[in-house]
Amino acid sequence: MENPQETKETYSDLEIDLAKTFVMRCIAKKFPVKKAVLFESYRFGDLDQNKCISIALILDPMTNPLKVMTELVRLTWEFTVCIDPYPLSVSDFESSTPTIDEIKRTGTEILL
């Protein structure tokens, strides 16, 4: 039996499409997205307003994290579902922390 902590999550086509749309809007707004990873999303069931799509955005360069996060949150307002952006620098994503390790282990890369 597989260890659930080492299993990649599976996401619906709708979740992946929403994540791709958000990432493409980030790129259109000139965010330097090098990689995007969908994680901790709607794992069980239908889309509703109480669940979020979480997206790690690996940015290069990552300048002024507070300003970046503020602008990303503004972009989420264009969606009718909750999107939780998680901006990271390349060096942050290459590091090892419990959260980053979980994203790498269970997340699904959004192809750009």
PDB file of N, CA and C in Angstrom:
ATOM      1  N   MET A   1       0.836  -1.185   0.000  1.00  0.00           N
ATOM      2  CA  MET A   1       0.000   0.000   0.000  1.00  0.00           C
ATOM      3  C   MET A   1       0.881   1.249   0.000  1.00  0.00           C
ATOM      4  N   GLU A   2       0.491   2.253  -0.797  1.00  0.00           N
ATOM      5  CA  GLU A   2       1.273   3.471  -0.899  1.00  0.00           C
ATOM      6  C   GLU A   2       1.160   4.307   0.363  1.00  0.00           C
ATOM      7  N   ASN A   3       2.237   5.028   0.650  1.00  0.00           N
ATOM      8  CA  ASN A   3       2.239   5.970   1.751  1.00  0.00           C
ATOM      9  C   ASN A   3       1.515   7.223   1.272  1.00  0.00           C
ATOM     10  N   PRO A   4       0.396   7.632   1.899  1.00  0.00           N
ATOM     11  CA  PRO A   4      -0.363   8.786   1.419  1.00  0.00           C
ATOM     12  C   PRO A   4       0.449  10.069   1.420  1.00  0.00           C
ATOM     13  N   GLN A   5       1.476  10.163   2.243  1.00  0.00           N
ATOM     14  CA  GLN A   5       2.289  11.365   2.285  1.00  0.00           C
ATOM     15  C   GLN A   5       3.183  11.492   1.056  1.00  0.00           C
ATOM     16  N   GLU A   6       3.353  10.427   0.299  1.00  0.00           N
ATOM     17  CA  GLU A   6       4.232  10.464  -0.859  1.00  0.00           C
ATOM     18  C   GLU A   6       3.453  10.410  -2.170  1.00  0.00           C
ATOM     19  N   THR A   7       2.142  10.484  -2.116  1.00  0.00           N
ATOM     20  CA  THR A   7       1.296  10.379  -3.297  1.00  0.00           C
ATOM     21  C   THR A   7       1.001  11.759  -3.854  1.00  0.00           C
ATOM     22  N   LYS A   8       1.154  11.906  -5.161  1.00  0.00           N
ATOM     23  CA  LYS A   8       0.777  13.154  -5.818  1.00  0.00           C
ATOM     24  C   LYS A   8      -0.741  13.275  -5.774  1.00  0.00           C
ATOM     25  N   GLU A   9      -1.204  14.480  -5.528  1.00  0.00           N
ATOM     26  CA  GLU A   9      -2.639  14.726  -5.563  1.00  0.00           C
ATOM     27  C   GLU A   9      -3.108  14.675  -7.011  1.00  0.00           C
ATOM     28  N   THR A  10      -4.355  14.330  -7.206  1.00  0.00           N
ATOM     29  CA  THR A  10      -4.939  14.413  -8.541  1.00  0.00           C
ATOM     30  C   THR A  10      -5.993  15.514  -8.509  1.00  0.00           C
ATOM     31  N   TYR A  11      -6.065  16.244  -9.587  1.00  0.00           N
ATOM     32  CA  TYR A  11      -6.949  17.391  -9.654  1.00  0.00           C
ATOM     33  C   TYR A  11      -7.865  17.267 -10.859  1.00  0.00           C
ATOM     34  N   SER A  12      -9.033  17.843 -10.763  1.00  0.00           N
ATOM     35  CA  SER A  12      -9.988  17.804 -11.875  1.00  0.00           C
ATOM     36  C   SER A  12      -9.514  18.727 -12.993  1.00  0.00           C
ATOM     37  N   ASP A  13     -10.075  18.519 -14.172  1.00  0.00           N
ATOM     38  CA  ASP A  13      -9.768  19.393 -15.305  1.00  0.00           C
ATOM     39  C   ASP A  13     -10.143  20.836 -14.979  1.00  0.00           C
ATOM     40  N   LEU A  14     -11.240  21.031 -14.264  1.00  0.00           N
ATOM     41  CA  LEU A  14     -11.670  22.374 -13.900  1.00  0.00           C
ATOM     42  C   LEU A  14     -10.653  23.058 -12.999  1.00  0.00           C
ATOM     43  N   GLU A  15     -10.154  22.345 -12.018  1.00  0.00           N
ATOM     44  CA  GLU A  15      -9.142  22.911 -11.126  1.00  0.00           C
ATOM     45  C   GLU A  15      -7.889  23.309 -11.901  1.00  0.00           C
ATOM     46  N   ILE A  16      -7.443  22.421 -12.769  1.00  0.00           N
ATOM     47  CA  ILE A  16      -6.243  22.691 -13.555  1.00  0.00           C
ATOM     48  C   ILE A  16      -6.485  23.880 -14.484  1.00  0.00           C
ATOM     49  N   ASP A  17      -7.657  23.939 -15.116  1.00  0.00           N
ATOM     50  CA  ASP A  17      -7.972  25.065 -16.004  1.00  0.00           C
ATOM     51  C   ASP A  17      -8.011  26.386 -15.238  1.00  0.00           C
ATOM     52  N   LEU A  18      -8.602  26.395 -14.054  1.00  0.00           N
ATOM     53  CA  LEU A  18      -8.633  27.616 -13.239  1.00  0.00           C
ATOM     54  C   LEU A  18      -7.224  28.042 -12.851  1.00  0.00           C
ATOM     55  N   ALA A  19      -6.399  27.072 -12.455  1.00  0.00           N
ATOM     56  CA  ALA A  19      -5.017  27.379 -12.087  1.00  0.00           C
ATOM     57  C   ALA A  19      -4.248  27.940 -13.283  1.00  0.00           C
ATOM     58  N   LYS A  20      -4.410  27.313 -14.450  1.00  0.00           N
ATOM     59  CA  LYS A  20      -3.734  27.802 -15.659  1.00  0.00           C
ATOM     60  C   LYS A  20      -4.187  29.222 -15.998  1.00  0.00           C
ATOM     61  N   THR A  21      -5.476  29.469 -15.896  1.00  0.00           N
ATOM     62  CA  THR A  21      -5.998  30.806 -16.196  1.00  0.00           C
ATOM     63  C   THR A  21      -5.390  31.838 -15.264  1.00  0.00           C
ATOM     64  N   PHE A  22      -5.322  31.508 -13.974  1.00  0.00           N
ATOM     65  CA  PHE A  22      -4.728  32.437 -13.015  1.00  0.00           C
ATOM     66  C   PHE A  22      -3.254  32.683 -13.340  1.00  0.00           C
ATOM     67  N   VAL A  23      -2.514  31.622 -13.628  1.00  0.00           N
ATOM     68  CA  VAL A  23      -1.086  31.763 -13.940  1.00  0.00           C
ATOM     69  C   VAL A  23      -0.902  32.603 -15.207  1.00  0.00           C
ATOM     70  N   MET A  24      -1.718  32.374 -16.213  1.00  0.00           N
ATOM     71  CA  MET A  24      -1.599  33.154 -17.451  1.00  0.00           C
ATOM     72  C   MET A  24      -1.910  34.638 -17.192  1.00  0.00           C
ATOM     73  N   ARG A  25      -2.844  34.925 -16.301  1.00  0.00           N
ATOM     74  CA  ARG A  25      -3.108  36.328 -15.949  1.00  0.00           C
ATOM     75  C   ARG A  25      -1.919  36.934 -15.205  1.00  0.00           C
ATOM     76  N   CYS A  26      -1.269  36.130 -14.385  1.00  0.00           N
ATOM     77  CA  CYS A  26      -0.058  36.604 -13.690  1.00  0.00           C
ATOM     78  C   CYS A  26       1.028  36.960 -14.702  1.00  0.00           C
ATOM     79  N   ILE A  27       1.219  36.089 -15.677  1.00  0.00           N
ATOM     80  CA  ILE A  27       2.227  36.327 -16.713  1.00  0.00           C
ATOM     81  C   ILE A  27       1.854  37.568 -17.531  1.00  0.00           C
ATOM     82  N   ALA A  28       0.571  37.713 -17.861  1.00  0.00           N
ATOM     83  CA  ALA A  28       0.118  38.881 -18.620  1.00  0.00           C
ATOM     84  C   ALA A  28       0.366  40.181 -17.854  1.00  0.00           C
ATOM     85  N   LYS A  29       0.342  40.104 -16.528  1.00  0.00           N
ATOM     86  CA  LYS A  29       0.603  41.282 -15.688  1.00  0.00           C
ATOM     87  C   LYS A  29       2.099  41.461 -15.418  1.00  0.00           C
ATOM     88  N   LYS A  30       2.908  40.712 -16.144  1.00  0.00           N
ATOM     89  CA  LYS A  30       4.373  40.827 -16.101  1.00  0.00           C
ATOM     90  C   LYS A  30       5.024  40.236 -14.851  1.00  0.00           C
ATOM     91  N   PHE A  31       4.332  39.320 -14.174  1.00  0.00           N
ATOM     92  CA  PHE A  31       4.999  38.591 -13.097  1.00  0.00           C
ATOM     93  C   PHE A  31       5.982  37.615 -13.739  1.00  0.00           C
ATOM     94  N   PRO A  32       7.210  37.526 -13.234  1.00  0.00           N
ATOM     95  CA  PRO A  32       8.223  36.643 -13.836  1.00  0.00           C
ATOM     96  C   PRO A  32       8.069  35.192 -13.370  1.00  0.00           C
ATOM     97  N   VAL A  33       6.974  34.552 -13.772  1.00  0.00           N
ATOM     98  CA  VAL A  33       6.668  33.189 -13.331  1.00  0.00           C
ATOM     99  C   VAL A  33       7.567  32.204 -14.073  1.00  0.00           C
ATOM    100  N   LYS A  34       8.357  31.455 -13.318  1.00  0.00           N
ATOM    101  CA  LYS A  34       9.220  30.426 -13.894  1.00  0.00           C
ATOM    102  C   LYS A  34       8.596  29.042 -13.777  1.00  0.00           C
ATOM    103  N   LYS A  35       7.754  28.878 -12.755  1.00  0.00           N
ATOM    104  CA  LYS A  35       7.103  27.596 -12.511  1.00  0.00           C
ATOM    105  C   LYS A  35       5.874  27.863 -11.659  1.00  0.00           C
ATOM    106  N   ALA A  36       4.842  27.032 -11.836  1.00  0.00           N
ATOM    107  CA  ALA A  36       3.635  27.118 -11.019  1.00  0.00           C
ATOM    108  C   ALA A  36       3.229  25.702 -10.617  1.00  0.00           C
ATOM    109  N   VAL A  37       2.854  25.557  -9.356  1.00  0.00           N
ATOM    110  CA  VAL A  37       2.499  24.236  -8.829  1.00  0.00           C
ATOM    111  C   VAL A  37       1.164  24.337  -8.087  1.00  0.00           C
ATOM    112  N   LEU A  38       0.207  23.526  -8.520  1.00  0.00           N
ATOM    113  CA  LEU A  38      -1.094  23.432  -7.873  1.00  0.00           C
ATOM    114  C   LEU A  38      -0.960  22.488  -6.679  1.00  0.00           C
ATOM    115  N   PHE A  39      -1.416  22.918  -5.518  1.00  0.00           N
ATOM    116  CA  PHE A  39      -1.332  22.067  -4.330  1.00  0.00           C
ATOM    117  C   PHE A  39      -2.485  22.357  -3.389  1.00  0.00           C
ATOM    118  N   GLU A  40      -2.765  21.401  -2.489  1.00  0.00           N
ATOM    119  CA  GLU A  40      -3.822  21.553  -1.474  1.00  0.00           C
ATOM    120  C   GLU A  40      -5.089  22.183  -2.033  1.00  0.00           C
ATOM    121  N   SER A  41      -5.597  21.622  -3.075  1.00  0.00           N
ATOM    122  CA  SER A  41      -6.753  22.211  -3.730  1.00  0.00           C
ATOM    123  C   SER A  41      -8.028  21.513  -3.289  1.00  0.00           C
ATOM    124  N   TYR A  42      -9.056  21.599  -4.117  1.00  0.00           N
ATOM    125  CA  TYR A  42     -10.319  20.927  -3.860  1.00  0.00           C
ATOM    126  C   TYR A  42     -10.093  19.432  -3.958  1.00  0.00           C
ATOM    127  N   ARG A  43      -9.723  18.786  -2.931  1.00  0.00           N
ATOM    128  CA  ARG A  43      -9.365  17.375  -3.022  1.00  0.00           C
ATOM    129  C   ARG A  43     -10.574  16.462  -3.125  1.00  0.00           C
ATOM    130  N   PHE A  44     -11.670  16.832  -2.505  1.00  0.00           N
ATOM    131  CA  PHE A  44     -12.816  15.926  -2.436  1.00  0.00           C
ATOM    132  C   PHE A  44     -14.092  16.668  -2.758  1.00  0.00           C
ATOM    133  N   GLY A  45     -14.559  16.564  -3.957  1.00  0.00           N
ATOM    134  CA  GLY A  45     -15.890  17.079  -4.210  1.00  0.00           C
ATOM    135  C   GLY A  45     -15.972  18.292  -5.093  1.00  0.00           C
ATOM    136  N   ASP A  46     -17.127  18.899  -5.018  1.00  0.00           N
ATOM    137  CA  ASP A  46     -17.478  19.973  -5.922  1.00  0.00           C
ATOM    138  C   ASP A  46     -16.826  21.285  -5.510  1.00  0.00           C
ATOM    139  N   LEU A  47     -16.729  22.164  -6.488  1.00  0.00           N
ATOM    140  CA  LEU A  47     -16.235  23.511  -6.219  1.00  0.00           C
ATOM    141  C   LEU A  47     -17.260  24.248  -5.368  1.00  0.00           C
ATOM    142  N   ASP A  48     -16.806  24.887  -4.354  1.00  0.00           N
ATOM    143  CA  ASP A  48     -17.682  25.775  -3.601  1.00  0.00           C
ATOM    144  C   ASP A  48     -16.841  26.896  -3.021  1.00  0.00           C
ATOM    145  N   GLN A  49     -17.510  27.865  -2.436  1.00  0.00           N
ATOM    146  CA  GLN A  49     -16.806  29.052  -1.971  1.00  0.00           C
ATOM    147  C   GLN A  49     -16.008  28.821  -0.695  1.00  0.00           C
ATOM    148  N   ASN A  50     -16.100  27.664  -0.096  1.00  0.00           N
ATOM    149  CA  ASN A  50     -15.384  27.397   1.146  1.00  0.00           C
ATOM    150  C   ASN A  50     -14.058  26.682   0.922  1.00  0.00           C
ATOM    151  N   LYS A  51     -13.707  26.429  -0.327  1.00  0.00           N
ATOM    152  CA  LYS A  51     -12.470  25.729  -0.630  1.00  0.00           C
ATOM    153  C   LYS A  51     -11.628  26.578  -1.564  1.00  0.00           C
ATOM    154  N   CYS A  52     -10.313  26.424  -1.465  1.00  0.00           N
ATOM    155  CA  CYS A  52      -9.406  27.234  -2.275  1.00  0.00           C
ATOM    156  C   CYS A  52      -8.539  26.380  -3.180  1.00  0.00           C
ATOM    157  N   ILE A  53      -8.152  26.976  -4.296  1.00  0.00           N
ATOM    158  CA  ILE A  53      -7.112  26.418  -5.139  1.00  0.00           C
ATOM    159  C   ILE A  53      -5.824  27.116  -4.700  1.00  0.00           C
ATOM    160  N   SER A  54      -4.869  26.363  -4.233  1.00  0.00           N
ATOM    161  CA  SER A  54      -3.594  26.932  -3.810  1.00  0.00           C
ATOM    162  C   SER A  54      -2.573  26.737  -4.917  1.00  0.00           C
ATOM    163  N   ILE A  55      -1.865  27.809  -5.246  1.00  0.00           N
ATOM    164  CA  ILE A  55      -0.897  27.770  -6.341  1.00  0.00           C
ATOM    165  C   ILE A  55       0.416  28.386  -5.872  1.00  0.00           C
ATOM    166  N   ALA A  56       1.473  27.572  -5.881  1.00  0.00           N
ATOM    167  CA  ALA A  56       2.812  28.086  -5.618  1.00  0.00           C
ATOM    168  C   ALA A  56       3.310  28.688  -6.922  1.00  0.00           C
ATOM    169  N   LEU A  57       3.729  29.944  -6.858  1.00  0.00           N
ATOM    170  CA  LEU A  57       4.278  30.638  -8.025  1.00  0.00           C
ATOM    171  C   LEU A  57       5.753  30.898  -7.763  1.00  0.00           C
ATOM    172  N   ILE A  58       6.611  30.269  -8.557  1.00  0.00           N
ATOM    173  CA  ILE A  58       8.045  30.455  -8.397  1.00  0.00           C
ATOM    174  C   ILE A  58       8.436  31.584  -9.346  1.00  0.00           C
ATOM    175  N   LEU A  59       8.904  32.681  -8.749  1.00  0.00           N
ATOM    176  CA  LEU A  59       9.193  33.906  -9.490  1.00  0.00           C
ATOM    177  C   LEU A  59      10.695  34.168  -9.531  1.00  0.00           C
ATOM    178  N   ASP A  60      11.173  34.620 -10.685  1.00  0.00           N
ATOM    179  CA  ASP A  60      12.592  34.957 -10.833  1.00  0.00           C
ATOM    180  C   ASP A  60      12.717  36.167 -11.738  1.00  0.00           C
ATOM    181  N   PRO A  61      13.046  37.322 -11.181  1.00  0.00           N
ATOM    182  CA  PRO A  61      13.403  37.544  -9.787  1.00  0.00           C
ATOM    183  C   PRO A  61      12.164  37.779  -8.922  1.00  0.00           C
ATOM    184  N   MET A  62      12.373  37.638  -7.624  1.00  0.00           N
ATOM    185  CA  MET A  62      11.320  37.943  -6.650  1.00  0.00           C
ATOM    186  C   MET A  62      11.746  39.230  -5.964  1.00  0.00           C
ATOM    187  N   THR A  63      11.070  40.305  -6.321  1.00  0.00           N
ATOM    188  CA  THR A  63      11.393  41.597  -5.711  1.00  0.00           C
ATOM    189  C   THR A  63      10.209  42.043  -4.874  1.00  0.00           C
ATOM    190  N   ASN A  64      10.486  42.649  -3.773  1.00  0.00           N
ATOM    191  CA  ASN A  64       9.459  43.208  -2.890  1.00  0.00           C
ATOM    192  C   ASN A  64       8.302  42.235  -2.655  1.00  0.00           C
ATOM    193  N   PRO A  65       8.522  41.191  -1.843  1.00  0.00           N
ATOM    194  CA  PRO A  65       7.492  40.166  -1.618  1.00  0.00           C
ATOM    195  C   PRO A  65       6.134  40.712  -1.163  1.00  0.00           C
ATOM    196  N   LEU A  66       6.123  41.748  -0.356  1.00  0.00           N
ATOM    197  CA  LEU A  66       4.850  42.308   0.109  1.00  0.00           C
ATOM    198  C   LEU A  66       4.055  42.897  -1.059  1.00  0.00           C
ATOM    199  N   LYS A  67       4.727  43.637  -1.926  1.00  0.00           N
ATOM    200  CA  LYS A  67       4.059  44.210  -3.095  1.00  0.00           C
ATOM    201  C   LYS A  67       3.574  43.109  -4.033  1.00  0.00           C
ATOM    202  N   VAL A  68       4.405  42.088  -4.235  1.00  0.00           N
ATOM    203  CA  VAL A  68       4.026  40.963  -5.096  1.00  0.00           C
ATOM    204  C   VAL A  68       2.766  40.297  -4.558  1.00  0.00           C
ATOM    205  N   MET A  69       2.742  40.005  -3.265  1.00  0.00           N
ATOM    206  CA  MET A  69       1.583  39.328  -2.679  1.00  0.00           C
ATOM    207  C   MET A  69       0.326  40.193  -2.796  1.00  0.00           C
ATOM    208  N   THR A  70       0.471  41.486  -2.556  1.00  0.00           N
ATOM    209  CA  THR A  70      -0.669  42.398  -2.672  1.00  0.00           C
ATOM    210  C   THR A  70      -1.239  42.373  -4.090  1.00  0.00           C
ATOM    211  N   GLU A  71      -0.365  42.416  -5.095  1.00  0.00           N
ATOM    212  CA  GLU A  71      -0.817  42.411  -6.484  1.00  0.00           C
ATOM    213  C   GLU A  71      -1.431  41.065  -6.865  1.00  0.00           C
ATOM    214  N   LEU A  72      -0.869  39.964  -6.353  1.00  0.00           N
ATOM    215  CA  LEU A  72      -1.439  38.643  -6.628  1.00  0.00           C
ATOM    216  C   LEU A  72      -2.829  38.504  -6.019  1.00  0.00           C
ATOM    217  N   VAL A  73      -2.999  38.981  -4.819  1.00  0.00           N
ATOM    218  CA  VAL A  73      -4.309  38.909  -4.168  1.00  0.00           C
ATOM    219  C   VAL A  73      -5.336  39.710  -4.971  1.00  0.00           C
ATOM    220  N   ARG A  74      -4.931  40.866  -5.483  1.00  0.00           N
ATOM    221  CA  ARG A  74      -5.850  41.647  -6.323  1.00  0.00           C
ATOM    222  C   ARG A  74      -6.295  40.854  -7.550  1.00  0.00           C
ATOM    223  N   LEU A  75      -5.375  40.094  -8.134  1.00  0.00           N
ATOM    224  CA  LEU A  75      -5.731  39.268  -9.291  1.00  0.00           C
ATOM    225  C   LEU A  75      -6.752  38.187  -8.930  1.00  0.00           C
ATOM    226  N   THR A  76      -6.694  37.685  -7.700  1.00  0.00           N
ATOM    227  CA  THR A  76      -7.638  36.630  -7.299  1.00  0.00           C
ATOM    228  C   THR A  76      -9.067  37.147  -7.267  1.00  0.00           C
ATOM    229  N   TRP A  77      -9.242  38.440  -7.112  1.00  0.00           N
ATOM    230  CA  TRP A  77     -10.589  39.017  -7.040  1.00  0.00           C
ATOM    231  C   TRP A  77     -11.344  38.862  -8.351  1.00  0.00           C
ATOM    232  N   GLU A  78     -10.644  38.550  -9.435  1.00  0.00           N
ATOM    233  CA  GLU A  78     -11.290  38.371 -10.737  1.00  0.00           C
ATOM    234  C   GLU A  78     -11.980  37.010 -10.860  1.00  0.00           C
ATOM    235  N   PHE A  79     -11.811  36.156  -9.862  1.00  0.00           N
ATOM    236  CA  PHE A  79     -12.349  34.795  -9.912  1.00  0.00           C
ATOM    237  C   PHE A  79     -13.490  34.636  -8.926  1.00  0.00           C
ATOM    238  N   THR A  80     -14.416  33.738  -9.250  1.00  0.00           N
ATOM    239  CA  THR A  80     -15.553  33.496  -8.352  1.00  0.00           C
ATOM    240  C   THR A  80     -15.258  32.384  -7.350  1.00  0.00           C
ATOM    241  N   VAL A  81     -14.116  31.735  -7.480  1.00  0.00           N
ATOM    242  CA  VAL A  81     -13.681  30.740  -6.503  1.00  0.00           C
ATOM    243  C   VAL A  81     -12.458  31.279  -5.789  1.00  0.00           C
ATOM    244  N   CYS A  82     -12.167  30.733  -4.646  1.00  0.00           N
ATOM    245  CA  CYS A  82     -11.020  31.167  -3.856  1.00  0.00           C
ATOM    246  C   CYS A  82      -9.723  30.641  -4.488  1.00  0.00           C
ATOM    247  N   ILE A  83      -8.808  31.550  -4.769  1.00  0.00           N
ATOM    248  CA  ILE A  83      -7.477  31.179  -5.240  1.00  0.00           C
ATOM    249  C   ILE A  83      -6.489  31.735  -4.237  1.00  0.00           C
ATOM    250  N   ASP A  84      -5.605  30.873  -3.772  1.00  0.00           N
ATOM    251  CA  ASP A  84      -4.623  31.219  -2.749  1.00  0.00           C
ATOM    252  C   ASP A  84      -3.231  31.187  -3.372  1.00  0.00           C
ATOM    253  N   PRO A  85      -2.694  32.363  -3.799  1.00  0.00           N
ATOM    254  CA  PRO A  85      -1.358  32.372  -4.378  1.00  0.00           C
ATOM    255  C   PRO A  85      -0.286  32.268  -3.291  1.00  0.00           C
ATOM    256  N   TYR A  86       0.768  31.565  -3.605  1.00  0.00           N
ATOM    257  CA  TYR A  86       1.865  31.350  -2.669  1.00  0.00           C
ATOM    258  C   TYR A  86       3.163  31.668  -3.411  1.00  0.00           C
ATOM    259  N   PRO A  87       3.570  32.967  -3.461  1.00  0.00           N
ATOM    260  CA  PRO A  87       4.755  33.338  -4.224  1.00  0.00           C
ATOM    261  C   PRO A  87       6.049  32.927  -3.518  1.00  0.00           C
ATOM    262  N   LEU A  88       6.981  32.412  -4.317  1.00  0.00           N
ATOM    263  CA  LEU A  88       8.281  31.976  -3.810  1.00  0.00           C
ATOM    264  C   LEU A  88       9.373  32.404  -4.780  1.00  0.00           C
ATOM    265  N   SER A  89      10.534  32.719  -4.242  1.00  0.00           N
ATOM    266  CA  SER A  89      11.694  32.939  -5.104  1.00  0.00           C
ATOM    267  C   SER A  89      12.236  31.570  -5.512  1.00  0.00           C
ATOM    268  N   VAL A  90      13.073  31.551  -6.523  1.00  0.00           N
ATOM    269  CA  VAL A  90      13.692  30.294  -6.953  1.00  0.00           C
ATOM    270  C   VAL A  90      14.488  29.687  -5.804  1.00  0.00           C
ATOM    271  N   SER A  91      15.258  30.507  -5.104  1.00  0.00           N
ATOM    272  CA  SER A  91      16.067  29.973  -3.994  1.00  0.00           C
ATOM    273  C   SER A  91      15.192  29.443  -2.865  1.00  0.00           C
ATOM    274  N   ASP A  92      14.057  30.099  -2.591  1.00  0.00           N
ATOM    275  CA  ASP A  92      13.128  29.582  -1.580  1.00  0.00           C
ATOM    276  C   ASP A  92      12.594  28.211  -1.996  1.00  0.00           C
ATOM    277  N   PHE A  93      12.211  28.087  -3.275  1.00  0.00           N
ATOM    278  CA  PHE A  93      11.644  26.825  -3.754  1.00  0.00           C
ATOM    279  C   PHE A  93      12.689  25.711  -3.752  1.00  0.00           C
ATOM    280  N   GLU A  94      13.946  26.064  -3.930  1.00  0.00           N
ATOM    281  CA  GLU A  94      15.014  25.060  -3.914  1.00  0.00           C
ATOM    282  C   GLU A  94      15.411  24.658  -2.499  1.00  0.00           C
ATOM    283  N   SER A  95      14.964  25.420  -1.505  1.00  0.00           N
ATOM    284  CA  SER A  95      15.284  25.093  -0.114  1.00  0.00           C
ATOM    285  C   SER A  95      14.388  23.955   0.379  1.00  0.00           C
ATOM    286  N   SER A  96      14.611  23.565   1.611  1.00  0.00           N
ATOM    287  CA  SER A  96      13.823  22.484   2.186  1.00  0.00           C
ATOM    288  C   SER A  96      13.170  22.963   3.482  1.00  0.00           C
ATOM    289  N   THR A  97      11.856  23.128   3.411  1.00  0.00           N
ATOM    290  CA  THR A  97      11.050  23.412   4.593  1.00  0.00           C
ATOM    291  C   THR A  97       9.865  22.451   4.530  1.00  0.00           C
ATOM    292  N   PRO A  98       9.175  22.231   5.618  1.00  0.00           N
ATOM    293  CA  PRO A  98       8.028  21.314   5.562  1.00  0.00           C
ATOM    294  C   PRO A  98       6.997  21.706   4.493  1.00  0.00           C
ATOM    295  N   THR A  99       6.695  22.995   4.377  1.00  0.00           N
ATOM    296  CA  THR A  99       5.700  23.422   3.396  1.00  0.00           C
ATOM    297  C   THR A  99       6.200  23.224   1.969  1.00  0.00           C
ATOM    298  N   ILE A 100       7.412  23.640   1.695  1.00  0.00           N
ATOM    299  CA  ILE A 100       7.963  23.493   0.343  1.00  0.00           C
ATOM    300  C   ILE A 100       8.141  22.022  -0.011  1.00  0.00           C
ATOM    301  N   ASP A 101       8.586  21.222   0.930  1.00  0.00           N
ATOM    302  CA  ASP A 101       8.718  19.781   0.670  1.00  0.00           C
ATOM    303  C   ASP A 101       7.369  19.155   0.344  1.00  0.00           C
ATOM    304  N   GLU A 102       6.315  19.587   1.029  1.00  0.00           N
ATOM    305  CA  GLU A 102       4.963  19.080   0.760  1.00  0.00           C
ATOM    306  C   GLU A 102       4.491  19.499  -0.632  1.00  0.00           C
ATOM    307  N   ILE A 103       4.748  20.753  -1.005  1.00  0.00           N
ATOM    308  CA  ILE A 103       4.376  21.221  -2.347  1.00  0.00           C
ATOM    309  C   ILE A 103       5.083  20.379  -3.399  1.00  0.00           C
ATOM    310  N   LYS A 104       6.367  20.148  -3.221  1.00  0.00           N
ATOM    311  CA  LYS A 104       7.139  19.366  -4.193  1.00  0.00           C
ATOM    312  C   LYS A 104       6.662  17.916  -4.254  1.00  0.00           C
ATOM    313  N   ARG A 105       6.323  17.364  -3.114  1.00  0.00           N
ATOM    314  CA  ARG A 105       5.960  15.959  -3.033  1.00  0.00           C
ATOM    315  C   ARG A 105       4.555  15.681  -3.561  1.00  0.00           C
ATOM    316  N   THR A 106       3.611  16.556  -3.254  1.00  0.00           N
ATOM    317  CA  THR A 106       2.219  16.259  -3.579  1.00  0.00           C
ATOM    318  C   THR A 106       1.616  17.160  -4.648  1.00  0.00           C
ATOM    319  N   GLY A 107       2.309  18.258  -4.991  1.00  0.00           N
ATOM    320  CA  GLY A 107       1.757  19.213  -5.953  1.00  0.00           C
ATOM    321  C   GLY A 107       1.852  18.726  -7.389  1.00  0.00           C
ATOM    322  N   THR A 108       1.119  19.413  -8.245  1.00  0.00           N
ATOM    323  CA  THR A 108       1.101  19.126  -9.666  1.00  0.00           C
ATOM    324  C   THR A 108       1.542  20.389 -10.408  1.00  0.00           C
ATOM    325  N   GLU A 109       2.613  20.256 -11.192  1.00  0.00           N
ATOM    326  CA  GLU A 109       3.113  21.413 -11.935  1.00  0.00           C
ATOM    327  C   GLU A 109       2.114  21.811 -13.017  1.00  0.00           C
ATOM    328  N   ILE A 110       1.878  23.107 -13.110  1.00  0.00           N
ATOM    329  CA  ILE A 110       1.028  23.671 -14.159  1.00  0.00           C
ATOM    330  C   ILE A 110       1.961  24.017 -15.316  1.00  0.00           C
ATOM    331  N   LEU A 111       1.754  23.375 -16.446  1.00  0.00           N
ATOM    332  CA  LEU A 111       2.626  23.617 -17.593  1.00  0.00           C
ATOM    333  C   LEU A 111       2.340  24.994 -18.168  1.00  0.00           C
ATOM    334  N   LEU A 112       3.402  25.761 -18.342  1.00  0.00           N
ATOM    335  CA  LEU A 112       3.265  27.151 -18.837  1.00  0.00           C
ATOM    336  C   LEU A 112       3.387  27.191 -20.348  1.00  0.00           C
TER     337      LEU A 112
END
